[in-house]
Structure formats: C-alpha cells, structure tokens
C-alpha cells in the first residue's frame, strides 16, 4: 500500500485516506490559448514507468493538496512537498538522482 506523509499536517496517510489529482507541475493554459495548447493541457498527460511527480489531496485529514515524487513501478516515495512549489525541492531531486541517475526531471 502507498503511504504518503502530508507536508502540511505531518500525518503519514495510507492511500485510502488520500485522493489522487494527477500529474504535477503542468503548465496551465486557459482563455486566450490556442486550441492545441488547451487540448494538450486538458488531455495530454505523461504516464511514465518510473519517477513521477503527482498531486494528492489529504481527503480524510487536513483536506489540503500536496505534491509527491514517487516511482510508479515500485511505489517508492522520494518525498512530499507543498502544492505551491513550482518544481521538486533540491533535497528530493538529490534523493531521486542518488537512486535513479538517469532521471531527467522536469523541463
């Protein structure tokens, strides 16, 4: 079972207490964007086998959204961090690269 620590309230919660929110760190497109940009934002998502950053909500706890870096193949969690963060924090990136040196991150 996947266990993530909420960075807001500090509770280590099982996935049954959380709600998944999909891929993290998306560039949002809205009014004024081209049809192709908006379509890509709405429907195109990465679904990698390996390290991925995702949005999660502590649904049965504090109710706040947060981000998690984890491996989709092994469920290994590299860390969680605040939802307002634009990219994974340096300490989480270091943990990922220590175990997965080939990881390219987000660009």
PDB file of N, CA and C in Angstrom:
ATOM      1  N   UNK A   1       0.838  -1.175   0.000  1.00  0.00           N
ATOM      2  CA  UNK A   1       0.000   0.000   0.000  1.00  0.00           C
ATOM      3  C   UNK A   1       0.887   1.244   0.000  1.00  0.00           C
ATOM      4  N   UNK A   2       0.439   2.240  -0.726  1.00  0.00           N
ATOM      5  CA  UNK A   2       1.153   3.507  -0.817  1.00  0.00           C
ATOM      6  C   UNK A   2       0.888   4.329   0.443  1.00  0.00           C
ATOM      7  N   UNK A   3       1.960   4.812   1.067  1.00  0.00           N
ATOM      8  CA  UNK A   3       1.846   5.670   2.250  1.00  0.00           C
ATOM      9  C   UNK A   3       2.600   6.960   1.962  1.00  0.00           C
ATOM     10  N   UNK A   4       1.887   8.083   2.085  1.00  0.00           N
ATOM     11  CA  UNK A   4       2.472   9.398   1.845  1.00  0.00           C
ATOM     12  C   UNK A   4       2.326  10.255   3.094  1.00  0.00           C
ATOM     13  N   UNK A   5       3.345  11.077   3.365  1.00  0.00           N
ATOM     14  CA  UNK A   5       3.282  11.983   4.507  1.00  0.00           C
ATOM     15  C   UNK A   5       2.795  13.341   4.038  1.00  0.00           C
ATOM     16  N   UNK A   6       1.721  13.808   4.634  1.00  0.00           N
ATOM     17  CA  UNK A   6       1.193  15.126   4.290  1.00  0.00           C
ATOM     18  C   UNK A   6       2.166  16.189   4.814  1.00  0.00           C
ATOM     19  N   UNK A   7       2.696  17.059   3.934  1.00  0.00           N
ATOM     20  CA  UNK A   7       3.652  18.066   4.404  1.00  0.00           C
ATOM     21  C   UNK A   7       3.006  19.189   5.216  1.00  0.00           C
ATOM     22  N   UNK A   8       1.693  19.260   5.215  1.00  0.00           N
ATOM     23  CA  UNK A   8       1.005  20.299   5.980  1.00  0.00           C
ATOM     24  C   UNK A   8       0.758  19.878   7.420  1.00  0.00           C
ATOM     25  N   UNK A   9       0.167  18.688   7.603  1.00  0.00           N
ATOM     26  CA  UNK A   9      -0.183  18.272   8.967  1.00  0.00           C
ATOM     27  C   UNK A   9       0.763  17.207   9.523  1.00  0.00           C
ATOM     28  N   UNK A  10       1.676  16.665   8.681  1.00  0.00           N
ATOM     29  CA  UNK A  10       2.666  15.716   9.150  1.00  0.00           C
ATOM     30  C   UNK A  10       2.165  14.297   9.339  1.00  0.00           C
ATOM     31  N   UNK A  11       0.932  14.014   8.974  1.00  0.00           N
ATOM     32  CA  UNK A  11       0.359  12.675   9.135  1.00  0.00           C
ATOM     33  C   UNK A  11       0.827  11.774   7.997  1.00  0.00           C
ATOM     34  N   UNK A  12       1.266  10.561   8.349  1.00  0.00           N
ATOM     35  CA  UNK A  12       1.583   9.550   7.339  1.00  0.00           C
ATOM     36  C   UNK A  12       0.285   8.823   7.031  1.00  0.00           C
ATOM     37  N   UNK A  13      -0.224   9.033   5.834  1.00  0.00           N
ATOM     38  CA  UNK A  13      -1.545   8.534   5.475  1.00  0.00           C
ATOM     39  C   UNK A  13      -1.458   7.449   4.411  1.00  0.00           C
ATOM     40  N   UNK A  14      -2.296   6.426   4.567  1.00  0.00           N
ATOM     41  CA  UNK A  14      -2.415   5.394   3.547  1.00  0.00           C
ATOM     42  C   UNK A  14      -3.188   5.978   2.369  1.00  0.00           C
ATOM     43  N   UNK A  15      -3.015   5.377   1.196  1.00  0.00           N
ATOM     44  CA  UNK A  15      -3.657   5.911   0.001  1.00  0.00           C
ATOM     45  C   UNK A  15      -5.181   5.951   0.101  1.00  0.00           C
ATOM     46  N   UNK A  16      -5.763   5.142   0.988  1.00  0.00           N
ATOM     47  CA  UNK A  16      -7.212   5.166   1.163  1.00  0.00           C
ATOM     48  C   UNK A  16      -7.690   6.455   1.829  1.00  0.00           C
ATOM     49  N   UNK A  17      -6.775   7.205   2.470  1.00  0.00           N
ATOM     50  CA  UNK A  17      -7.109   8.488   3.091  1.00  0.00           C
ATOM     51  C   UNK A  17      -6.843   9.658   2.157  1.00  0.00           C
ATOM     52  N   UNK A  18      -6.336   9.368   0.979  1.00  0.00           N
ATOM     53  CA  UNK A  18      -5.915  10.397   0.033  1.00  0.00           C
ATOM     54  C   UNK A  18      -6.721  10.308  -1.255  1.00  0.00           C
ATOM     55  N   UNK A  19      -6.742  11.408  -1.999  1.00  0.00           N
ATOM     56  CA  UNK A  19      -7.363  11.423  -3.323  1.00  0.00           C
ATOM     57  C   UNK A  19      -6.305  11.832  -4.331  1.00  0.00           C
ATOM     58  N   UNK A  20      -6.104  11.045  -5.395  1.00  0.00           N
ATOM     59  CA  UNK A  20      -5.103  11.405  -6.401  1.00  0.00           C
ATOM     60  C   UNK A  20      -5.596  12.552  -7.276  1.00  0.00           C
ATOM     61  N   UNK A  21      -4.664  13.369  -7.716  1.00  0.00           N
ATOM     62  CA  UNK A  21      -5.022  14.525  -8.544  1.00  0.00           C
ATOM     63  C   UNK A  21      -4.278  14.594  -9.851  1.00  0.00           C
ATOM     64  N   UNK A  22      -3.545  13.543 -10.200  1.00  0.00           N
ATOM     65  CA  UNK A  22      -2.857  13.518 -11.491  1.00  0.00           C
ATOM     66  C   UNK A  22      -1.479  14.149 -11.460  1.00  0.00           C
ATOM     67  N   UNK A  23      -0.980  14.380 -12.637  1.00  0.00           N
ATOM     68  CA  UNK A  23       0.381  14.876 -12.840  1.00  0.00           C
ATOM     69  C   UNK A  23       0.589  16.262 -12.225  1.00  0.00           C
ATOM     70  N   UNK A  24       1.731  16.456 -11.616  1.00  0.00           N
ATOM     71  CA  UNK A  24       2.095  17.751 -11.024  1.00  0.00           C
ATOM     72  C   UNK A  24       2.907  18.576 -12.012  1.00  0.00           C
ATOM     73  N   UNK A  25       3.048  19.849 -11.718  1.00  0.00           N
ATOM     74  CA  UNK A  25       3.905  20.783 -12.451  1.00  0.00           C
ATOM     75  C   UNK A  25       3.487  20.944 -13.911  1.00  0.00           C
ATOM     76  N   UNK A  26       2.188  21.025 -14.162  1.00  0.00           N
ATOM     77  CA  UNK A  26       1.691  21.258 -15.510  1.00  0.00           C
ATOM     78  C   UNK A  26       1.670  22.744 -15.809  1.00  0.00           C
ATOM     79  N   UNK A  27       1.961  23.096 -17.052  1.00  0.00           N
ATOM     80  CA  UNK A  27       1.783  24.482 -17.484  1.00  0.00           C
ATOM     81  C   UNK A  27       0.319  24.626 -17.870  1.00  0.00           C
ATOM     82  N   UNK A  28      -0.369  25.500 -17.186  1.00  0.00           N
ATOM     83  CA  UNK A  28      -1.800  25.652 -17.402  1.00  0.00           C
ATOM     84  C   UNK A  28      -2.090  26.599 -18.564  1.00  0.00           C
ATOM     85  N   UNK A  29      -3.046  26.202 -19.388  1.00  0.00           N
ATOM     86  CA  UNK A  29      -3.497  27.033 -20.494  1.00  0.00           C
ATOM     87  C   UNK A  29      -4.980  27.281 -20.318  1.00  0.00           C
ATOM     88  N   UNK A  30      -5.400  28.489 -20.508  1.00  0.00           N
ATOM     89  CA  UNK A  30      -6.802  28.836 -20.341  1.00  0.00           C
ATOM     90  C   UNK A  30      -7.255  29.797 -21.414  1.00  0.00           C
ATOM     91  N   UNK A  31      -8.066  30.789 -21.049  1.00  0.00           N
ATOM     92  CA  UNK A  31      -8.552  31.757 -22.025  1.00  0.00           C
ATOM     93  C   UNK A  31      -7.402  32.433 -22.762  1.00  0.00           C
ATOM     94  N   UNK A  32      -7.561  32.567 -24.054  1.00  0.00           N
ATOM     95  CA  UNK A  32      -6.522  33.196 -24.876  1.00  0.00           C
ATOM     96  C   UNK A  32      -5.516  32.222 -25.436  1.00  0.00           C
ATOM     97  N   UNK A  33      -5.563  30.961 -25.029  1.00  0.00           N
ATOM     98  CA  UNK A  33      -4.621  29.972 -25.556  1.00  0.00           C
ATOM     99  C   UNK A  33      -5.154  29.406 -26.868  1.00  0.00           C
ATOM    100  N   UNK A  34      -4.275  28.788 -27.609  1.00  0.00           N
ATOM    101  CA  UNK A  34      -4.697  28.157 -28.861  1.00  0.00           C
ATOM    102  C   UNK A  34      -5.460  26.873 -28.537  1.00  0.00           C
ATOM    103  N   UNK A  35      -6.211  26.388 -29.499  1.00  0.00           N
ATOM    104  CA  UNK A  35      -6.950  25.134 -29.306  1.00  0.00           C
ATOM    105  C   UNK A  35      -6.001  23.987 -29.002  1.00  0.00           C
ATOM    106  N   UNK A  36      -4.854  23.946 -29.673  1.00  0.00           N
ATOM    107  CA  UNK A  36      -3.882  22.867 -29.451  1.00  0.00           C
ATOM    108  C   UNK A  36      -3.296  22.926 -28.036  1.00  0.00           C
ATOM    109  N   UNK A  37      -2.969  24.132 -27.568  1.00  0.00           N
ATOM    110  CA  UNK A  37      -2.432  24.278 -26.205  1.00  0.00           C
ATOM    111  C   UNK A  37      -3.454  23.851 -25.157  1.00  0.00           C
ATOM    112  N   UNK A  38      -4.696  24.294 -25.346  1.00  0.00           N
ATOM    113  CA  UNK A  38      -5.724  23.954 -24.376  1.00  0.00           C
ATOM    114  C   UNK A  38      -6.033  22.457 -24.391  1.00  0.00           C
ATOM    115  N   UNK A  39      -6.065  21.867 -25.574  1.00  0.00           N
ATOM    116  CA  UNK A  39      -6.300  20.424 -25.679  1.00  0.00           C
ATOM    117  C   UNK A  39      -5.180  19.648 -24.976  1.00  0.00           C
ATOM    118  N   UNK A  40      -3.931  20.059 -25.209  1.00  0.00           N
ATOM    119  CA  UNK A  40      -2.798  19.385 -24.572  1.00  0.00           C
ATOM    120  C   UNK A  40      -2.886  19.507 -23.053  1.00  0.00           C
ATOM    121  N   UNK A  41      -3.262  20.693 -22.553  1.00  0.00           N
ATOM    122  CA  UNK A  41      -3.394  20.885 -21.105  1.00  0.00           C
ATOM    123  C   UNK A  41      -4.511  20.008 -20.529  1.00  0.00           C
ATOM    124  N   UNK A  42      -5.628  19.933 -21.214  1.00  0.00           N
ATOM    125  CA  UNK A  42      -6.780  19.184 -20.696  1.00  0.00           C
ATOM    126  C   UNK A  42      -6.595  17.669 -20.760  1.00  0.00           C
ATOM    127  N   UNK A  43      -5.957  17.176 -21.832  1.00  0.00           N
ATOM    128  CA  UNK A  43      -5.997  15.741 -22.072  1.00  0.00           C
ATOM    129  C   UNK A  43      -4.647  15.026 -22.136  1.00  0.00           C
ATOM    130  N   UNK A  44      -3.585  15.722 -22.452  1.00  0.00           N
ATOM    131  CA  UNK A  44      -2.278  15.058 -22.617  1.00  0.00           C
ATOM    132  C   UNK A  44      -1.553  14.998 -21.281  1.00  0.00           C
ATOM    133  N   UNK A  45      -1.294  13.800 -20.809  1.00  0.00           N
ATOM    134  CA  UNK A  45      -0.573  13.620 -19.554  1.00  0.00           C
ATOM    135  C   UNK A  45       0.531  12.594 -19.747  1.00  0.00           C
ATOM    136  N   UNK A  46       1.617  12.811 -19.030  1.00  0.00           N
ATOM    137  CA  UNK A  46       2.679  11.810 -19.010  1.00  0.00           C
ATOM    138  C   UNK A  46       2.181  10.651 -18.149  1.00  0.00           C
ATOM    139  N   UNK A  47       2.565   9.479 -18.504  1.00  0.00           N
ATOM    140  CA  UNK A  47       2.229   8.313 -17.690  1.00  0.00           C
ATOM    141  C   UNK A  47       3.466   7.422 -17.654  1.00  0.00           C
ATOM    142  N   UNK A  48       4.546   7.937 -17.063  1.00  0.00           N
ATOM    143  CA  UNK A  48       5.810   7.209 -17.139  1.00  0.00           C
ATOM    144  C   UNK A  48       5.867   5.994 -16.230  1.00  0.00           C
ATOM    145  N   UNK A  49       6.663   5.063 -16.653  1.00  0.00           N
ATOM    146  CA  UNK A  49       7.038   3.971 -15.760  1.00  0.00           C
ATOM    147  C   UNK A  49       8.338   4.442 -15.135  1.00  0.00           C
ATOM    148  N   UNK A  50       8.279   4.787 -13.879  1.00  0.00           N
ATOM    149  CA  UNK A  50       9.450   5.326 -13.202  1.00  0.00           C
ATOM    150  C   UNK A  50       9.069   6.499 -12.324  1.00  0.00           C
ATOM    151  N   UNK A  51      10.018   7.386 -12.082  1.00  0.00           N
ATOM    152  CA  UNK A  51       9.817   8.508 -11.168  1.00  0.00           C
ATOM    153  C   UNK A  51       8.883   9.537 -11.793  1.00  0.00           C
ATOM    154  N   UNK A  52       7.937   9.967 -10.989  1.00  0.00           N
ATOM    155  CA  UNK A  52       6.882  10.860 -11.464  1.00  0.00           C
ATOM    156  C   UNK A  52       6.434  11.730 -10.291  1.00  0.00           C
ATOM    157  N   UNK A  53       6.082  12.976 -10.563  1.00  0.00           N
ATOM    158  CA  UNK A  53       5.547  13.861  -9.525  1.00  0.00           C
ATOM    159  C   UNK A  53       4.042  13.998  -9.728  1.00  0.00           C
ATOM    160  N   UNK A  54       3.315  13.850  -8.634  1.00  0.00           N
ATOM    161  CA  UNK A  54       1.858  13.826  -8.706  1.00  0.00           C
ATOM    162  C   UNK A  54       1.241  14.730  -7.653  1.00  0.00           C
ATOM    163  N   UNK A  55      -0.025  15.097  -7.892  1.00  0.00           N
ATOM    164  CA  UNK A  55      -0.813  15.858  -6.925  1.00  0.00           C
ATOM    165  C   UNK A  55      -1.643  14.880  -6.101  1.00  0.00           C
ATOM    166  N   UNK A  56      -1.738  15.146  -4.811  1.00  0.00           N
ATOM    167  CA  UNK A  56      -2.548  14.328  -3.900  1.00  0.00           C
ATOM    168  C   UNK A  56      -3.273  15.259  -2.945  1.00  0.00           C
ATOM    169  N   UNK A  57      -4.452  14.842  -2.514  1.00  0.00           N
ATOM    170  CA  UNK A  57      -5.223  15.597  -1.522  1.00  0.00           C
ATOM    171  C   UNK A  57      -5.411  14.732  -0.289  1.00  0.00           C
ATOM    172  N   UNK A  58      -5.132  15.300   0.868  1.00  0.00           N
ATOM    173  CA  UNK A  58      -5.311  14.586   2.134  1.00  0.00           C
ATOM    174  C   UNK A  58      -6.804  14.646   2.483  1.00  0.00           C
ATOM    175  N   UNK A  59      -7.590  13.866   1.768  1.00  0.00           N
ATOM    176  CA  UNK A  59      -9.050  13.943   1.801  1.00  0.00           C
ATOM    177  C   UNK A  59      -9.647  13.668   3.178  1.00  0.00           C
ATOM    178  N   UNK A  60      -9.137  12.676   3.894  1.00  0.00           N
ATOM    179  CA  UNK A  60      -9.679  12.325   5.203  1.00  0.00           C
ATOM    180  C   UNK A  60      -8.789  12.826   6.332  1.00  0.00           C
ATOM    181  N   UNK A  61      -8.136  13.949   6.078  1.00  0.00           N
ATOM    182  CA  UNK A  61      -7.263  14.564   7.075  1.00  0.00           C
ATOM    183  C   UNK A  61      -7.465  16.066   7.004  1.00  0.00           C
ATOM    184  N   UNK A  62      -6.399  16.796   6.736  1.00  0.00           N
ATOM    185  CA  UNK A  62      -6.470  18.256   6.721  1.00  0.00           C
ATOM    186  C   UNK A  62      -7.163  18.807   5.474  1.00  0.00           C
ATOM    187  N   UNK A  63      -7.327  17.975   4.443  1.00  0.00           N
ATOM    188  CA  UNK A  63      -8.033  18.395   3.234  1.00  0.00           C
ATOM    189  C   UNK A  63      -7.199  19.168   2.233  1.00  0.00           C
ATOM    190  N   UNK A  64      -5.915  19.347   2.502  1.00  0.00           N
ATOM    191  CA  UNK A  64      -5.072  20.163   1.620  1.00  0.00           C
ATOM    192  C   UNK A  64      -4.435  19.335   0.511  1.00  0.00           C
ATOM    193  N   UNK A  65      -4.180  20.002  -0.607  1.00  0.00           N
ATOM    194  CA  UNK A  65      -3.461  19.400  -1.737  1.00  0.00           C
ATOM    195  C   UNK A  65      -1.965  19.492  -1.487  1.00  0.00           C
ATOM    196  N   UNK A  66      -1.215  18.464  -1.884  1.00  0.00           N
ATOM    197  CA  UNK A  66       0.242  18.475  -1.815  1.00  0.00           C
ATOM    198  C   UNK A  66       0.787  17.687  -2.994  1.00  0.00           C
ATOM    199  N   UNK A  67       2.091  17.719  -3.159  1.00  0.00           N
ATOM    200  CA  UNK A  67       2.750  17.026  -4.261  1.00  0.00           C
ATOM    201  C   UNK A  67       3.645  15.926  -3.717  1.00  0.00           C
ATOM    202  N   UNK A  68       3.780  14.863  -4.501  1.00  0.00           N
ATOM    203  CA  UNK A  68       4.617  13.731  -4.096  1.00  0.00           C
ATOM    204  C   UNK A  68       5.463  13.275  -5.272  1.00  0.00           C
ATOM    205  N   UNK A  69       6.716  12.946  -5.010  1.00  0.00           N
ATOM    206  CA  UNK A  69       7.609  12.351  -6.008  1.00  0.00           C
ATOM    207  C   UNK A  69       7.728  10.880  -5.662  1.00  0.00           C
ATOM    208  N   UNK A  70       7.347  10.026  -6.610  1.00  0.00           N
ATOM    209  CA  UNK A  70       7.390   8.587  -6.349  1.00  0.00           C
ATOM    210  C   UNK A  70       7.664   7.839  -7.637  1.00  0.00           C
ATOM    211  N   UNK A  71       8.041   6.577  -7.492  1.00  0.00           N
ATOM    212  CA  UNK A  71       8.272   5.703  -8.637  1.00  0.00           C
ATOM    213  C   UNK A  71       6.978   4.939  -8.900  1.00  0.00           C
ATOM    214  N   UNK A  72       6.456   5.052 -10.110  1.00  0.00           N
ATOM    215  CA  UNK A  72       5.198   4.390 -10.445  1.00  0.00           C
ATOM    216  C   UNK A  72       5.368   2.879 -10.589  1.00  0.00           C
ATOM    217  N   UNK A  73       6.581   2.401 -10.787  1.00  0.00           N
ATOM    218  CA  UNK A  73       6.818   0.963 -10.940  1.00  0.00           C
ATOM    219  C   UNK A  73       6.961   0.256  -9.589  1.00  0.00           C
ATOM    220  N   UNK A  74       7.606   0.912  -8.625  1.00  0.00           N
ATOM    221  CA  UNK A  74       7.900   0.265  -7.340  1.00  0.00           C
ATOM    222  C   UNK A  74       7.125   0.856  -6.160  1.00  0.00           C
ATOM    223  N   UNK A  75       6.448   1.986  -6.372  1.00  0.00           N
ATOM    224  CA  UNK A  75       5.741   2.741  -5.332  1.00  0.00           C
ATOM    225  C   UNK A  75       6.689   3.371  -4.307  1.00  0.00           C
ATOM    226  N   UNK A  76       7.990   3.384  -4.593  1.00  0.00           N
ATOM    227  CA  UNK A  76       8.950   4.037  -3.697  1.00  0.00           C
ATOM    228  C   UNK A  76       8.673   5.540  -3.676  1.00  0.00           C
ATOM    229  N   UNK A  77       8.553   6.097  -2.489  1.00  0.00           N
ATOM    230  CA  UNK A  77       8.273   7.519  -2.328  1.00  0.00           C
ATOM    231  C   UNK A  77       9.577   8.241  -2.003  1.00  0.00           C
ATOM    232  N   UNK A  78       9.888   9.268  -2.786  1.00  0.00           N
ATOM    233  CA  UNK A  78      11.109  10.042  -2.578  1.00  0.00           C
ATOM    234  C   UNK A  78      10.858  11.260  -1.692  1.00  0.00           C
ATOM    235  N   UNK A  79       9.609  11.666  -1.581  1.00  0.00           N
ATOM    236  CA  UNK A  79       9.269  12.778  -0.710  1.00  0.00           C
ATOM    237  C   UNK A  79       7.977  13.451  -1.115  1.00  0.00           C
ATOM    238  N   UNK A  80       7.463  14.249  -0.198  1.00  0.00           N
ATOM    239  CA  UNK A  80       6.269  15.048  -0.459  1.00  0.00           C
ATOM    240  C   UNK A  80       6.610  16.502  -0.177  1.00  0.00           C
ATOM    241  N   UNK A  81       5.875  17.399  -0.799  1.00  0.00           N
ATOM    242  CA  UNK A  81       6.155  18.820  -0.629  1.00  0.00           C
ATOM    243  C   UNK A  81       4.904  19.637  -0.918  1.00  0.00           C
ATOM    244  N   UNK A  82       4.943  20.917  -0.573  1.00  0.00           N
ATOM    245  CA  UNK A  82       3.786  21.794  -0.660  1.00  0.00           C
ATOM    246  C   UNK A  82       3.306  21.966  -2.099  1.00  0.00           C
ATOM    247  N   UNK A  83       2.006  22.100  -2.258  1.00  0.00           N
ATOM    248  CA  UNK A  83       1.392  22.196  -3.582  1.00  0.00           C
ATOM    249  C   UNK A  83       1.804  23.457  -4.338  1.00  0.00           C
ATOM    250  N   UNK A  84       2.180  24.499  -3.645  1.00  0.00           N
ATOM    251  CA  UNK A  84       2.543  25.758  -4.303  1.00  0.00           C
ATOM    252  C   UNK A  84       3.961  25.755  -4.859  1.00  0.00           C
ATOM    253  N   UNK A  85       4.679  24.663  -4.721  1.00  0.00           N
ATOM    254  CA  UNK A  85       6.061  24.563  -5.163  1.00  0.00           C
ATOM    255  C   UNK A  85       6.112  24.341  -6.672  1.00  0.00           C
ATOM    256  N   UNK A  86       6.910  25.142  -7.378  1.00  0.00           N
ATOM    257  CA  UNK A  86       6.955  25.099  -8.846  1.00  0.00           C
ATOM    258  C   UNK A  86       7.695  23.886  -9.399  1.00  0.00           C
ATOM    259  N   UNK A  87       8.586  23.317  -8.617  1.00  0.00           N
ATOM    260  CA  UNK A  87       9.345  22.128  -9.041  1.00  0.00           C
ATOM    261  C   UNK A  87       9.760  21.362  -7.793  1.00  0.00           C
ATOM    262  N   UNK A  88      10.140  20.102  -7.955  1.00  0.00           N
ATOM    263  CA  UNK A  88      10.535  19.336  -6.763  1.00  0.00           C
ATOM    264  C   UNK A  88      11.702  20.009  -6.034  1.00  0.00           C
ATOM    265  N   UNK A  89      11.660  20.068  -4.700  1.00  0.00           N
ATOM    266  CA  UNK A  89      12.755  20.665  -3.926  1.00  0.00           C
ATOM    267  C   UNK A  89      14.081  19.929  -4.173  1.00  0.00           C
ATOM    268  N   UNK A  90      15.178  20.651  -3.987  1.00  0.00           N
ATOM    269  CA  UNK A  90      16.518  20.115  -4.254  1.00  0.00           C
ATOM    270  C   UNK A  90      16.802  18.828  -3.488  1.00  0.00           C
ATOM    271  N   UNK A  91      16.359  18.737  -2.233  1.00  0.00           N
ATOM    272  CA  UNK A  91      16.652  17.524  -1.454  1.00  0.00           C
ATOM    273  C   UNK A  91      15.922  16.305  -2.017  1.00  0.00           C
ATOM    274  N   UNK A  92      14.749  16.497  -2.587  1.00  0.00           N
ATOM    275  CA  UNK A  92      14.027  15.377  -3.202  1.00  0.00           C
ATOM    276  C   UNK A  92      14.686  14.991  -4.518  1.00  0.00           C
ATOM    277  N   UNK A  93      15.106  15.979  -5.300  1.00  0.00           N
ATOM    278  CA  UNK A  93      15.807  15.700  -6.560  1.00  0.00           C
ATOM    279  C   UNK A  93      17.097  14.925  -6.277  1.00  0.00           C
ATOM    280  N   UNK A  94      17.818  15.291  -5.218  1.00  0.00           N
ATOM    281  CA  UNK A  94      19.044  14.569  -4.849  1.00  0.00           C
ATOM    282  C   UNK A  94      18.748  13.116  -4.490  1.00  0.00           C
ATOM    283  N   UNK A  95      17.663  12.879  -3.743  1.00  0.00           N
ATOM    284  CA  UNK A  95      17.275  11.509  -3.394  1.00  0.00           C
ATOM    285  C   UNK A  95      16.957  10.700  -4.647  1.00  0.00           C
ATOM    286  N   UNK A  96      16.235  11.328  -5.573  1.00  0.00           N
ATOM    287  CA  UNK A  96      15.865  10.637  -6.818  1.00  0.00           C
ATOM    288  C   UNK A  96      17.122  10.293  -7.608  1.00  0.00           C
ATOM    289  N   UNK A  97      17.993  11.279  -7.815  1.00  0.00           N
ATOM    290  CA  UNK A  97      19.197  11.065  -8.642  1.00  0.00           C
ATOM    291  C   UNK A  97      20.183  10.096  -8.001  1.00  0.00           C
ATOM    292  N   UNK A  98      20.160   9.986  -6.673  1.00  0.00           N
ATOM    293  CA  UNK A  98      21.028   9.025  -5.999  1.00  0.00           C
ATOM    294  C   UNK A  98      20.635   7.595  -6.361  1.00  0.00           C
ATOM    295  N   UNK A  99      19.349   7.361  -6.546  1.00  0.00           N
ATOM    296  CA  UNK A  99      18.878   6.014  -6.883  1.00  0.00           C
ATOM    297  C   UNK A  99      18.591   5.839  -8.367  1.00  0.00           C
ATOM    298  N   UNK A 100      18.277   6.921  -9.058  1.00  0.00           N
ATOM    299  CA  UNK A 100      17.943   6.882 -10.480  1.00  0.00           C
ATOM    300  C   UNK A 100      18.741   7.965 -11.224  1.00  0.00           C
ATOM    301  N   UNK A 101      20.062   7.750 -11.411  1.00  0.00           N
ATOM    302  CA  UNK A 101      20.904   8.794 -12.013  1.00  0.00           C
ATOM    303  C   UNK A 101      20.459   9.204 -13.420  1.00  0.00           C
ATOM    304  N   UNK A 102      19.707   8.344 -14.086  1.00  0.00           N
ATOM    305  CA  UNK A 102      19.257   8.650 -15.450  1.00  0.00           C
ATOM    306  C   UNK A 102      18.045   9.577 -15.484  1.00  0.00           C
ATOM    307  N   UNK A 103      17.439   9.867 -14.330  1.00  0.00           N
ATOM    308  CA  UNK A 103      16.234  10.675 -14.275  1.00  0.00           C
ATOM    309  C   UNK A 103      16.539  12.076 -14.770  1.00  0.00           C
ATOM    310  N   UNK A 104      15.729  12.567 -15.710  1.00  0.00           N
ATOM    311  CA  UNK A 104      15.952  13.879 -16.321  1.00  0.00           C
ATOM    312  C   UNK A 104      15.210  15.005 -15.604  1.00  0.00           C
ATOM    313  N   UNK A 105      14.222  14.676 -14.819  1.00  0.00           N
ATOM    314  CA  UNK A 105      13.468  15.703 -14.111  1.00  0.00           C
ATOM    315  C   UNK A 105      12.450  16.357 -15.014  1.00  0.00           C
ATOM    316  N   UNK A 106      12.103  17.577 -14.664  1.00  0.00           N
ATOM    317  CA  UNK A 106      11.099  18.322 -15.415  1.00  0.00           C
ATOM    318  C   UNK A 106      11.779  19.428 -16.191  1.00  0.00           C
ATOM    319  N   UNK A 107      11.385  19.557 -17.438  1.00  0.00           N
ATOM    320  CA  UNK A 107      11.943  20.652 -18.237  1.00  0.00           C
ATOM    321  C   UNK A 107      10.857  21.321 -19.028  1.00  0.00           C
TER     322      UNK A 107
END
